[in-house]
PDB file of N, CA and C in Angstrom:
ATOM      1  N   UNK A   1      30.291 -30.969  54.020  1.00  0.00           N
ATOM      2  CA  UNK A   1      29.516 -31.700  53.041  1.00  0.00           C
ATOM      3  C   UNK A   1      29.242 -30.845  51.808  1.00  0.00           C
ATOM      4  N   UNK A   2      28.894 -29.596  52.032  1.00  0.00           N
ATOM      5  CA  UNK A   2      28.602 -28.700  50.912  1.00  0.00           C
ATOM      6  C   UNK A   2      29.858 -28.474  50.079  1.00  0.00           C
ATOM      7  N   UNK A   3      31.020 -28.366  50.743  1.00  0.00           N
ATOM      8  CA  UNK A   3      32.276 -28.175  50.014  1.00  0.00           C
ATOM      9  C   UNK A   3      32.537 -29.357  49.086  1.00  0.00           C
ATOM     10  N   UNK A   4      32.297 -30.553  49.558  1.00  0.00           N
ATOM     11  CA  UNK A   4      32.505 -31.749  48.737  1.00  0.00           C
ATOM     12  C   UNK A   4      31.587 -31.743  47.521  1.00  0.00           C
ATOM     13  N   UNK A   5      30.339 -31.364  47.740  1.00  0.00           N
ATOM     14  CA  UNK A   5      29.393 -31.319  46.622  1.00  0.00           C
ATOM     15  C   UNK A   5      29.809 -30.267  45.606  1.00  0.00           C
ATOM     16  N   UNK A   6      30.317 -29.136  46.065  1.00  0.00           N
ATOM     17  CA  UNK A   6      30.779 -28.091  45.152  1.00  0.00           C
ATOM     18  C   UNK A   6      31.994 -28.549  44.352  1.00  0.00           C
ATOM     19  N   UNK A   7      32.900 -29.279  44.993  1.00  0.00           N
ATOM     20  CA  UNK A   7      34.069 -29.805  44.285  1.00  0.00           C
ATOM     21  C   UNK A   7      33.633 -30.779  43.202  1.00  0.00           C
ATOM     22  N   UNK A   8      32.723 -31.680  43.529  1.00  0.00           N
ATOM     23  CA  UNK A   8      32.224 -32.641  42.544  1.00  0.00           C
ATOM     24  C   UNK A   8      31.531 -31.920  41.397  1.00  0.00           C
ATOM     25  N   UNK A   9      30.709 -30.950  41.699  1.00  0.00           N
ATOM     26  CA  UNK A   9      30.028 -30.171  40.671  1.00  0.00           C
ATOM     27  C   UNK A   9      31.031 -29.448  39.785  1.00  0.00           C
ATOM     28  N   UNK A  10      32.058 -28.863  40.372  1.00  0.00           N
ATOM     29  CA  UNK A  10      33.088 -28.160  39.597  1.00  0.00           C
ATOM     30  C   UNK A  10      33.813 -29.115  38.661  1.00  0.00           C
ATOM     31  N   UNK A  11      34.059 -30.327  39.111  1.00  0.00           N
ATOM     32  CA  UNK A  11      34.714 -31.316  38.248  1.00  0.00           C
ATOM     33  C   UNK A  11      33.853 -31.644  37.041  1.00  0.00           C
ATOM     34  N   UNK A  12      32.569 -31.840  37.236  1.00  0.00           N
ATOM     35  CA  UNK A  12      31.681 -32.144  36.118  1.00  0.00           C
ATOM     36  C   UNK A  12      31.589 -30.984  35.144  1.00  0.00           C
ATOM     37  N   UNK A  13      31.505 -29.782  35.642  1.00  0.00           N
ATOM     38  CA  UNK A  13      31.410 -28.606  34.784  1.00  0.00           C
ATOM     39  C   UNK A  13      32.694 -28.416  34.002  1.00  0.00           C
ATOM     40  N   UNK A  14      33.855 -28.597  34.634  1.00  0.00           N
ATOM     41  CA  UNK A  14      35.124 -28.379  33.948  1.00  0.00           C
ATOM     42  C   UNK A  14      35.391 -29.445  32.900  1.00  0.00           C
ATOM     43  N   UNK A  15      34.931 -30.660  33.110  1.00  0.00           N
ATOM     44  CA  UNK A  15      35.124 -31.710  32.113  1.00  0.00           C
ATOM     45  C   UNK A  15      34.424 -31.347  30.820  1.00  0.00           C
ATOM     46  N   UNK A  16      33.253 -30.760  30.891  1.00  0.00           N
ATOM     47  CA  UNK A  16      32.511 -30.398  29.694  1.00  0.00           C
ATOM     48  C   UNK A  16      33.151 -29.261  28.921  1.00  0.00           C
ATOM     49  N   UNK A  17      34.081 -28.540  29.519  1.00  0.00           N
ATOM     50  CA  UNK A  17      34.719 -27.410  28.851  1.00  0.00           C
ATOM     51  C   UNK A  17      35.816 -27.855  27.891  1.00  0.00           C
ATOM     52  N   UNK A  18      36.240 -29.092  27.965  1.00  0.00           N
ATOM     53  CA  UNK A  18      37.316 -29.566  27.112  1.00  0.00           C
ATOM     54  C   UNK A  18      36.813 -29.927  25.729  1.00  0.00           C
ATOM     55  N   UNK A  19      37.701 -29.792  24.763  1.00  0.00           N
ATOM     56  CA  UNK A  19      37.403 -30.195  23.394  1.00  0.00           C
ATOM     57  C   UNK A  19      37.793 -31.651  23.230  1.00  0.00           C
ATOM     58  N   UNK A  20      37.069 -32.363  22.407  1.00  0.00           N
ATOM     59  CA  UNK A  20      37.469 -33.729  22.096  1.00  0.00           C
ATOM     60  C   UNK A  20      36.834 -34.160  20.790  1.00  0.00           C
ATOM     61  N   UNK A  21      37.502 -35.109  20.153  1.00  0.00           N
ATOM     62  CA  UNK A  21      36.971 -35.681  18.932  1.00  0.00           C
ATOM     63  C   UNK A  21      36.050 -36.842  19.246  1.00  0.00           C
ATOM     64  N   UNK A  22      35.037 -37.018  18.421  1.00  0.00           N
ATOM     65  CA  UNK A  22      34.071 -38.091  18.627  1.00  0.00           C
ATOM     66  C   UNK A  22      33.898 -38.866  17.327  1.00  0.00           C
ATOM     67  N   UNK A  23      34.078 -40.179  17.404  1.00  0.00           N
ATOM     68  CA  UNK A  23      33.783 -41.063  16.278  1.00  0.00           C
ATOM     69  C   UNK A  23      32.365 -41.570  16.502  1.00  0.00           C
ATOM     70  N   UNK A  24      31.426 -41.012  15.784  1.00  0.00           N
ATOM     71  CA  UNK A  24      30.013 -41.297  15.997  1.00  0.00           C
ATOM     72  C   UNK A  24      29.553 -42.387  15.042  1.00  0.00           C
ATOM     73  N   UNK A  25      29.721 -43.627  15.465  1.00  0.00           N
ATOM     74  CA  UNK A  25      29.285 -44.767  14.670  1.00  0.00           C
ATOM     75  C   UNK A  25      30.058 -44.865  13.356  1.00  0.00           C
ATOM     76  N   UNK A  26      31.389 -44.826  13.460  1.00  0.00           N
ATOM     77  CA  UNK A  26      32.277 -44.892  12.297  1.00  0.00           C
ATOM     78  C   UNK A  26      32.848 -46.294  12.129  1.00  0.00           C
ATOM     79  N   UNK A  27      33.176 -46.625  10.889  1.00  0.00           N
ATOM     80  CA  UNK A  27      33.894 -47.864  10.616  1.00  0.00           C
ATOM     81  C   UNK A  27      35.381 -47.664  10.881  1.00  0.00           C
ATOM     82  N   UNK A  28      36.046 -48.709  11.316  1.00  0.00           N
ATOM     83  CA  UNK A  28      37.497 -48.700  11.471  1.00  0.00           C
ATOM     84  C   UNK A  28      38.090 -49.109  10.130  1.00  0.00           C
ATOM     85  N   UNK A  29      38.981 -48.290   9.579  1.00  0.00           N
ATOM     86  CA  UNK A  29      39.587 -48.601   8.282  1.00  0.00           C
ATOM     87  C   UNK A  29      41.020 -49.097   8.412  1.00  0.00           C
ATOM     88  N   UNK A  30      41.674 -48.831   9.549  1.00  0.00           N
ATOM     89  CA  UNK A  30      43.044 -49.308   9.765  1.00  0.00           C
ATOM     90  C   UNK A  30      43.362 -49.264  11.253  1.00  0.00           C
ATOM     91  N   UNK A  31      44.233 -50.173  11.672  1.00  0.00           N
ATOM     92  CA  UNK A  31      44.746 -50.184  13.042  1.00  0.00           C
ATOM     93  C   UNK A  31      46.251 -50.353  12.951  1.00  0.00           C
ATOM     94  N   UNK A  32      46.981 -49.495  13.646  1.00  0.00           N
ATOM     95  CA  UNK A  32      48.441 -49.576  13.650  1.00  0.00           C
ATOM     96  C   UNK A  32      48.910 -49.832  15.077  1.00  0.00           C
ATOM     97  N   UNK A  33      49.880 -50.725  15.206  1.00  0.00           N
ATOM     98  CA  UNK A  33      50.525 -50.971  16.496  1.00  0.00           C
ATOM     99  C   UNK A  33      52.028 -50.993  16.271  1.00  0.00           C
ATOM    100  N   UNK A  34      52.747 -50.190  17.028  1.00  0.00           N
ATOM    101  CA  UNK A  34      54.196 -50.105  16.906  1.00  0.00           C
ATOM    102  C   UNK A  34      54.877 -51.048  17.889  1.00  0.00           C
ATOM    103  N   UNK A  35      56.179 -51.263  17.681  1.00  0.00           N
ATOM    104  CA  UNK A  35      56.969 -52.103  18.574  1.00  0.00           C
ATOM    105  C   UNK A  35      56.932 -51.572  20.008  1.00  0.00           C
ATOM    106  N   UNK A  36      56.788 -50.284  20.144  1.00  0.00           N
ATOM    107  CA  UNK A  36      56.740 -49.653  21.470  1.00  0.00           C
ATOM    108  C   UNK A  36      55.449 -49.976  22.226  1.00  0.00           C
ATOM    109  N   UNK A  37      54.447 -50.489  21.523  1.00  0.00           N
ATOM    110  CA  UNK A  37      53.145 -50.756  22.128  1.00  0.00           C
ATOM    111  C   UNK A  37      52.133 -49.662  21.859  1.00  0.00           C
ATOM    112  N   UNK A  38      52.605 -48.546  21.315  1.00  0.00           N
ATOM    113  CA  UNK A  38      51.692 -47.459  20.973  1.00  0.00           C
ATOM    114  C   UNK A  38      51.068 -47.721  19.612  1.00  0.00           C
ATOM    115  N   UNK A  39      49.869 -47.212  19.418  1.00  0.00           N
ATOM    116  CA  UNK A  39      49.200 -47.419  18.140  1.00  0.00           C
ATOM    117  C   UNK A  39      48.083 -46.423  17.933  1.00  0.00           C
ATOM    118  N   UNK A  40      47.417 -46.546  16.794  1.00  0.00           N
ATOM    119  CA  UNK A  40      46.280 -45.681  16.502  1.00  0.00           C
ATOM    120  C   UNK A  40      45.233 -46.426  15.706  1.00  0.00           C
ATOM    121  N   UNK A  41      44.016 -45.885  15.758  1.00  0.00           N
ATOM    122  CA  UNK A  41      42.876 -46.398  15.006  1.00  0.00           C
ATOM    123  C   UNK A  41      42.501 -45.332  13.995  1.00  0.00           C
ATOM    124  N   UNK A  42      42.352 -45.746  12.742  1.00  0.00           N
ATOM    125  CA  UNK A  42      41.899 -44.812  11.703  1.00  0.00           C
ATOM    126  C   UNK A  42      40.440 -45.102  11.400  1.00  0.00           C
ATOM    127  N   UNK A  43      39.629 -44.047  11.368  1.00  0.00           N
ATOM    128  CA  UNK A  43      38.196 -44.173  11.138  1.00  0.00           C
ATOM    129  C   UNK A  43      37.824 -43.777   9.713  1.00  0.00           C
ATOM    130  N   UNK A  44      36.644 -44.181   9.293  1.00  0.00           N
ATOM    131  CA  UNK A  44      36.167 -43.927   7.930  1.00  0.00           C
ATOM    132  C   UNK A  44      35.837 -42.465   7.677  1.00  0.00           C
ATOM    133  N   UNK A  45      35.682 -41.675   8.717  1.00  0.00           N
ATOM    134  CA  UNK A  45      35.345 -40.256   8.578  1.00  0.00           C
ATOM    135  C   UNK A  45      36.154 -39.431   9.566  1.00  0.00           C
ATOM    136  N   UNK A  46      36.161 -38.141   9.335  1.00  0.00           N
ATOM    137  CA  UNK A  46      36.803 -37.214  10.255  1.00  0.00           C
ATOM    138  C   UNK A  46      36.024 -37.183  11.564  1.00  0.00           C
ATOM    139  N   UNK A  47      36.739 -37.086  12.674  1.00  0.00           N
ATOM    140  CA  UNK A  47      36.091 -37.036  13.977  1.00  0.00           C
ATOM    141  C   UNK A  47      35.182 -35.820  14.074  1.00  0.00           C
ATOM    142  N   UNK A  48      34.028 -36.013  14.678  1.00  0.00           N
ATOM    143  CA  UNK A  48      33.140 -34.890  14.976  1.00  0.00           C
ATOM    144  C   UNK A  48      33.709 -34.142  16.173  1.00  0.00           C
ATOM    145  N   UNK A  49      33.433 -32.878  16.243  1.00  0.00           N
ATOM    146  CA  UNK A  49      33.891 -32.077  17.372  1.00  0.00           C
ATOM    147  C   UNK A  49      32.890 -32.147  18.508  1.00  0.00           C
ATOM    148  N   UNK A  50      33.401 -32.137  19.731  1.00  0.00           N
ATOM    149  CA  UNK A  50      32.512 -31.981  20.876  1.00  0.00           C
ATOM    150  C   UNK A  50      31.949 -30.562  20.824  1.00  0.00           C
ATOM    151  N   UNK A  51      31.179 -30.196  21.794  1.00  0.00           N
ATOM    152  CA  UNK A  51      30.523 -28.884  21.768  1.00  0.00           C
ATOM    153  C   UNK A  51      31.502 -27.718  21.712  1.00  0.00           C
ATOM    154  N   UNK A  52      32.732 -27.928  22.127  1.00  0.00           N
ATOM    155  CA  UNK A  52      33.716 -26.842  22.124  1.00  0.00           C
ATOM    156  C   UNK A  52      34.793 -27.004  21.059  1.00  0.00           C
ATOM    157  N   UNK A  53      34.677 -27.988  20.193  1.00  0.00           N
ATOM    158  CA  UNK A  53      35.643 -28.160  19.114  1.00  0.00           C
ATOM    159  C   UNK A  53      36.599 -29.310  19.338  1.00  0.00           C
ATOM    160  N   UNK A  54      37.564 -29.422  18.427  1.00  0.00           N
ATOM    161  CA  UNK A  54      38.585 -30.462  18.488  1.00  0.00           C
ATOM    162  C   UNK A  54      39.872 -29.886  19.072  1.00  0.00           C
ATOM    163  N   UNK A  55      40.694 -30.717  19.720  1.00  0.00           N
ATOM    164  CA  UNK A  55      41.950 -30.201  20.264  1.00  0.00           C
ATOM    165  C   UNK A  55      42.919 -29.828  19.143  1.00  0.00           C
ATOM    166  N   UNK A  56      43.675 -28.777  19.343  1.00  0.00           N
ATOM    167  CA  UNK A  56      44.598 -28.314  18.303  1.00  0.00           C
ATOM    168  C   UNK A  56      45.759 -29.276  18.088  1.00  0.00           C
ATOM    169  N   UNK A  57      46.104 -30.082  19.083  1.00  0.00           N
ATOM    170  CA  UNK A  57      47.256 -30.980  18.942  1.00  0.00           C
ATOM    171  C   UNK A  57      47.035 -32.039  17.864  1.00  0.00           C
ATOM    172  N   UNK A  58      45.799 -32.389  17.573  1.00  0.00           N
ATOM    173  CA  UNK A  58      45.513 -33.405  16.568  1.00  0.00           C
ATOM    174  C   UNK A  58      45.004 -32.839  15.262  1.00  0.00           C
ATOM    175  N   UNK A  59      45.371 -31.618  14.954  1.00  0.00           N
ATOM    176  CA  UNK A  59      44.789 -30.926  13.793  1.00  0.00           C
ATOM    177  C   UNK A  59      45.141 -31.553  12.448  1.00  0.00           C
ATOM    178  N   UNK A  60      46.223 -32.323  12.370  1.00  0.00           N
ATOM    179  CA  UNK A  60      46.600 -32.925  11.086  1.00  0.00           C
ATOM    180  C   UNK A  60      46.137 -34.369  10.945  1.00  0.00           C
ATOM    181  N   UNK A  61      45.626 -34.950  12.015  1.00  0.00           N
ATOM    182  CA  UNK A  61      45.204 -36.363  12.010  1.00  0.00           C
ATOM    183  C   UNK A  61      43.772 -36.465  12.521  1.00  0.00           C
ATOM    184  N   UNK A  62      42.850 -35.844  11.856  1.00  0.00           N
ATOM    185  CA  UNK A  62      41.477 -35.705  12.346  1.00  0.00           C
ATOM    186  C   UNK A  62      40.629 -36.975  12.272  1.00  0.00           C
ATOM    187  N   UNK A  63      41.118 -38.034  11.655  1.00  0.00           N
ATOM    188  CA  UNK A  63      40.324 -39.263  11.574  1.00  0.00           C
ATOM    189  C   UNK A  63      40.957 -40.410  12.368  1.00  0.00           C
ATOM    190  N   UNK A  64      41.785 -40.081  13.363  1.00  0.00           N
ATOM    191  CA  UNK A  64      42.475 -41.109  14.146  1.00  0.00           C
ATOM    192  C   UNK A  64      42.385 -40.819  15.635  1.00  0.00           C
ATOM    193  N   UNK A  65      42.446 -41.891  16.420  1.00  0.00           N
ATOM    194  CA  UNK A  65      42.617 -41.801  17.866  1.00  0.00           C
ATOM    195  C   UNK A  65      43.744 -42.748  18.251  1.00  0.00           C
ATOM    196  N   UNK A  66      44.604 -42.324  19.169  1.00  0.00           N
ATOM    197  CA  UNK A  66      45.781 -43.102  19.569  1.00  0.00           C
ATOM    198  C   UNK A  66      45.535 -43.833  20.889  1.00  0.00           C
ATOM    199  N   UNK A  67      46.296 -44.917  21.099  1.00  0.00           N
ATOM    200  CA  UNK A  67      46.207 -45.691  22.336  1.00  0.00           C
ATOM    201  C   UNK A  67      47.579 -46.253  22.676  1.00  0.00           C
ATOM    202  N   UNK A  68      47.739 -46.741  23.899  1.00  0.00           N
ATOM    203  CA  UNK A  68      48.986 -47.352  24.352  1.00  0.00           C
ATOM    204  C   UNK A  68      48.673 -48.752  24.863  1.00  0.00           C
ATOM    205  N   UNK A  69      49.050 -49.765  24.102  1.00  0.00           N
ATOM    206  CA  UNK A  69      48.745 -51.153  24.456  1.00  0.00           C
ATOM    207  C   UNK A  69      49.622 -51.684  25.588  1.00  0.00           C
ATOM    208  N   UNK A  70      50.510 -50.861  26.132  1.00  0.00           N
ATOM    209  CA  UNK A  70      51.279 -51.250  27.312  1.00  0.00           C
ATOM    210  C   UNK A  70      50.426 -51.168  28.575  1.00  0.00           C
ATOM    211  N   UNK A  71      49.253 -50.579  28.460  1.00  0.00           N
ATOM    212  CA  UNK A  71      48.335 -50.477  29.598  1.00  0.00           C
ATOM    213  C   UNK A  71      47.160 -51.430  29.387  1.00  0.00           C
ATOM    214  N   UNK A  72      46.481 -51.776  30.464  1.00  0.00           N
ATOM    215  CA  UNK A  72      45.297 -52.635  30.336  1.00  0.00           C
ATOM    216  C   UNK A  72      44.229 -51.962  29.484  1.00  0.00           C
ATOM    217  N   UNK A  73      44.041 -50.666  29.685  1.00  0.00           N
ATOM    218  CA  UNK A  73      43.069 -49.929  28.883  1.00  0.00           C
ATOM    219  C   UNK A  73      43.429 -49.933  27.408  1.00  0.00           C
ATOM    220  N   UNK A  74      44.708 -49.752  27.108  1.00  0.00           N
ATOM    221  CA  UNK A  74      45.164 -49.771  25.719  1.00  0.00           C
ATOM    222  C   UNK A  74      44.957 -51.126  25.064  1.00  0.00           C
ATOM    223  N   UNK A  75      45.146 -52.193  25.823  1.00  0.00           N
ATOM    224  CA  UNK A  75      44.902 -53.539  25.291  1.00  0.00           C
ATOM    225  C   UNK A  75      43.421 -53.728  24.974  1.00  0.00           C
ATOM    226  N   UNK A  76      42.558 -53.204  25.835  1.00  0.00           N
ATOM    227  CA  UNK A  76      41.116 -53.286  25.588  1.00  0.00           C
ATOM    228  C   UNK A  76      40.737 -52.483  24.346  1.00  0.00           C
ATOM    229  N   UNK A  77      41.330 -51.298  24.192  1.00  0.00           N
ATOM    230  CA  UNK A  77      41.069 -50.469  23.014  1.00  0.00           C
ATOM    231  C   UNK A  77      41.502 -51.196  21.749  1.00  0.00           C
ATOM    232  N   UNK A  78      42.692 -51.786  21.765  1.00  0.00           N
ATOM    233  CA  UNK A  78      43.183 -52.539  20.608  1.00  0.00           C
ATOM    234  C   UNK A  78      42.238 -53.689  20.282  1.00  0.00           C
ATOM    235  N   UNK A  79      41.749 -54.376  21.296  1.00  0.00           N
ATOM    236  CA  UNK A  79      40.814 -55.484  21.097  1.00  0.00           C
ATOM    237  C   UNK A  79      39.518 -55.017  20.437  1.00  0.00           C
ATOM    238  N   UNK A  80      38.961 -53.917  20.922  1.00  0.00           N
ATOM    239  CA  UNK A  80      37.734 -53.365  20.331  1.00  0.00           C
ATOM    240  C   UNK A  80      37.969 -52.975  18.878  1.00  0.00           C
ATOM    241  N   UNK A  81      39.097 -52.310  18.625  1.00  0.00           N
ATOM    242  CA  UNK A  81      39.397 -51.845  17.264  1.00  0.00           C
ATOM    243  C   UNK A  81      39.558 -53.011  16.294  1.00  0.00           C
ATOM    244  N   UNK A  82      40.296 -54.042  16.699  1.00  0.00           N
ATOM    245  CA  UNK A  82      40.498 -55.191  15.812  1.00  0.00           C
ATOM    246  C   UNK A  82      39.199 -55.965  15.597  1.00  0.00           C
ATOM    247  N   UNK A  83      38.384 -56.077  16.636  1.00  0.00           N
ATOM    248  CA  UNK A  83      37.088 -56.750  16.483  1.00  0.00           C
ATOM    249  C   UNK A  83      36.200 -55.986  15.510  1.00  0.00           C
ATOM    250  N   UNK A  84      36.154 -54.673  15.644  1.00  0.00           N
ATOM    251  CA  UNK A  84      35.328 -53.859  14.743  1.00  0.00           C
ATOM    252  C   UNK A  84      35.846 -53.928  13.312  1.00  0.00           C
ATOM    253  N   UNK A  85      37.165 -53.895  13.144  1.00  0.00           N
ATOM    254  CA  UNK A  85      37.752 -53.960  11.807  1.00  0.00           C
ATOM    255  C   UNK A  85      37.458 -55.303  11.145  1.00  0.00           C
ATOM    256  N   UNK A  86      37.653 -56.390  11.868  1.00  0.00           N
ATOM    257  CA  UNK A  86      37.492 -57.720  11.270  1.00  0.00           C
ATOM    258  C   UNK A  86      36.031 -58.095  11.013  1.00  0.00           C
ATOM    259  N   UNK A  87      35.113 -57.539  11.776  1.00  0.00           N
ATOM    260  CA  UNK A  87      33.691 -57.863  11.597  1.00  0.00           C
ATOM    261  C   UNK A  87      32.926 -56.782  10.839  1.00  0.00           C
ATOM    262  N   UNK A  88      33.637 -55.721  10.459  1.00  0.00           N
ATOM    263  CA  UNK A  88      33.033 -54.595   9.728  1.00  0.00           C
ATOM    264  C   UNK A  88      31.883 -53.956  10.516  1.00  0.00           C
ATOM    265  N   UNK A  89      32.088 -53.863  11.823  1.00  0.00           N
ATOM    266  CA  UNK A  89      31.114 -53.183  12.683  1.00  0.00           C
ATOM    267  C   UNK A  89      31.614 -51.779  12.994  1.00  0.00           C
ATOM    268  N   UNK A  90      30.694 -50.928  13.389  1.00  0.00           N
ATOM    269  CA  UNK A  90      31.030 -49.534  13.663  1.00  0.00           C
ATOM    270  C   UNK A  90      31.367 -49.310  15.140  1.00  0.00           C
ATOM    271  N   UNK A  91      32.109 -48.230  15.377  1.00  0.00           N
ATOM    272  CA  UNK A  91      32.533 -47.859  16.729  1.00  0.00           C
ATOM    273  C   UNK A  91      31.983 -46.484  17.085  1.00  0.00           C
ATOM    274  N   UNK A  92      31.626 -46.343  18.338  1.00  0.00           N
ATOM    275  CA  UNK A  92      31.355 -45.042  18.935  1.00  0.00           C
ATOM    276  C   UNK A  92      32.522 -44.815  19.893  1.00  0.00           C
ATOM    277  N   UNK A  93      33.283 -43.747  19.715  1.00  0.00           N
ATOM    278  CA  UNK A  93      34.454 -43.493  20.560  1.00  0.00           C
ATOM    279  C   UNK A  93      34.647 -42.002  20.767  1.00  0.00           C
ATOM    280  N   UNK A  94      35.380 -41.683  21.814  1.00  0.00           N
ATOM    281  CA  UNK A  94      35.670 -40.285  22.124  1.00  0.00           C
ATOM    282  C   UNK A  94      37.127 -40.146  22.514  1.00  0.00           C
ATOM    283  N   UNK A  95      37.684 -38.984  22.215  1.00  0.00           N
ATOM    284  CA  UNK A  95      39.066 -38.687  22.570  1.00  0.00           C
ATOM    285  C   UNK A  95      39.182 -38.029  23.936  1.00  0.00           C
ATOM    286  N   UNK A  96      40.432 -37.805  24.348  1.00  0.00           N
ATOM    287  CA  UNK A  96      40.727 -37.250  25.670  1.00  0.00           C
ATOM    288  C   UNK A  96      40.989 -35.749  25.666  1.00  0.00           C
ATOM    289  N   UNK A  97      41.061 -35.147  24.490  1.00  0.00           N
ATOM    290  CA  UNK A  97      41.444 -33.746  24.335  1.00  0.00           C
ATOM    291  C   UNK A  97      42.940 -33.544  24.546  1.00  0.00           C
ATOM    292  N   UNK A  98      43.708 -34.621  24.533  1.00  0.00           N
ATOM    293  CA  UNK A  98      45.164 -34.530  24.632  1.00  0.00           C
ATOM    294  C   UNK A  98      45.778 -35.407  23.551  1.00  0.00           C
ATOM    295  N   UNK A  99      47.034 -35.198  23.305  1.00  0.00           N
ATOM    296  CA  UNK A  99      47.784 -36.039  22.362  1.00  0.00           C
ATOM    297  C   UNK A  99      48.949 -36.667  23.121  1.00  0.00           C
ATOM    298  N   UNK A 100      48.633 -37.395  24.186  1.00  0.00           N
ATOM    299  CA  UNK A 100      49.658 -37.925  25.080  1.00  0.00           C
ATOM    300  C   UNK A 100      50.371 -39.160  24.540  1.00  0.00           C
ATOM    301  N   UNK A 101      49.771 -39.879  23.607  1.00  0.00           N
ATOM    302  CA  UNK A 101      50.412 -41.069  23.046  1.00  0.00           C
ATOM    303  C   UNK A 101      51.279 -40.683  21.855  1.00  0.00           C
ATOM    304  N   UNK A 102      50.703 -39.999  20.894  1.00  0.00           N
ATOM    305  CA  UNK A 102      51.421 -39.434  19.749  1.00  0.00           C
ATOM    306  C   UNK A 102      51.164 -37.931  19.776  1.00  0.00           C
ATOM    307  N   UNK A 103      52.155 -37.150  19.470  1.00  0.00           N
ATOM    308  CA  UNK A 103      52.025 -35.701  19.544  1.00  0.00           C
ATOM    309  C   UNK A 103      51.032 -35.086  18.585  1.00  0.00           C
ATOM    310  N   UNK A 104      50.664 -35.810  17.516  1.00  0.00           N
ATOM    311  CA  UNK A 104      49.767 -35.239  16.505  1.00  0.00           C
ATOM    312  C   UNK A 104      48.449 -35.993  16.357  1.00  0.00           C
ATOM    313  N   UNK A 105      48.185 -36.951  17.252  1.00  0.00           N
ATOM    314  CA  UNK A 105      46.940 -37.728  17.196  1.00  0.00           C
ATOM    315  C   UNK A 105      46.285 -37.679  18.575  1.00  0.00           C
ATOM    316  N   UNK A 106      45.016 -37.311  18.602  1.00  0.00           N
ATOM    317  CA  UNK A 106      44.301 -37.266  19.877  1.00  0.00           C
ATOM    318  C   UNK A 106      44.244 -38.658  20.499  1.00  0.00           C
ATOM    319  N   UNK A 107      44.409 -38.729  21.802  1.00  0.00           N
ATOM    320  CA  UNK A 107      44.382 -40.005  22.511  1.00  0.00           C
ATOM    321  C   UNK A 107      42.945 -40.476  22.739  1.00  0.00           C
ATOM    322  N   UNK A 108      42.764 -41.790  22.715  1.00  0.00           N
ATOM    323  CA  UNK A 108      41.466 -42.458  22.868  1.00  0.00           C
ATOM    324  C   UNK A 108      41.059 -42.418  24.339  1.00  0.00           C
ATOM    325  N   UNK A 109      39.826 -42.052  24.604  1.00  0.00           N
ATOM    326  CA  UNK A 109      39.317 -42.017  25.972  1.00  0.00           C
ATOM    327  C   UNK A 109      38.431 -43.224  26.273  1.00  0.00           C
ATOM    328  N   UNK A 110      37.378 -43.411  25.490  1.00  0.00           N
ATOM    329  CA  UNK A 110      36.454 -44.530  25.702  1.00  0.00           C
ATOM    330  C   UNK A 110      35.749 -44.853  24.390  1.00  0.00           C
ATOM    331  N   UNK A 111      35.166 -46.029  24.319  1.00  0.00           N
ATOM    332  CA  UNK A 111      34.427 -46.384  23.118  1.00  0.00           C
ATOM    333  C   UNK A 111      33.764 -47.741  23.226  1.00  0.00           C
ATOM    334  N   UNK A 112      32.946 -48.041  22.232  1.00  0.00           N
ATOM    335  CA  UNK A 112      32.259 -49.329  22.187  1.00  0.00           C
ATOM    336  C   UNK A 112      31.889 -49.664  20.749  1.00  0.00           C
ATOM    337  N   UNK A 113      31.664 -50.941  20.499  1.00  0.00           N
ATOM    338  CA  UNK A 113      31.203 -51.387  19.186  1.00  0.00           C
ATOM    339  C   UNK A 113      29.703 -51.123  19.115  1.00  0.00           C
ATOM    340  N   UNK A 114      29.258 -50.554  17.997  1.00  0.00           N
ATOM    341  CA  UNK A 114      27.867 -50.115  17.866  1.00  0.00           C
ATOM    342  C   UNK A 114      26.902 -51.201  17.413  1.00  0.00           C
ATOM    343  N   UNK A 115      27.260 -51.955  16.390  1.00  0.00           N
ATOM    344  CA  UNK A 115      26.287 -52.915  15.853  1.00  0.00           C
ATOM    345  C   UNK A 115      26.917 -54.240  15.561  1.00  0.00           C
TER     346      UNK A 115
END
């Protein structure tokens, strides 16, 4: 039992060590979707850094987060982004600390419409 608790604790501690970009109540200024199903969201401001900074893979695209609409999660992300863009509402979102969708844009982890 103690081993399981230590593993869970280690997972929580290690997650906080990663860098990620944060869109803290930003407007969506553009949404791109490619034929491949991959796309990105462009925000009105540069992503804020988590406590440990931004990932180096997205250093040239600091105001975008990428998604893959071929997945259920990616479809939900696209829906949130288009709703926020069309209604001029703001988004709170965070990246994954990886650039798995596009090599130069941090991938989208989670988010929600703010207002």
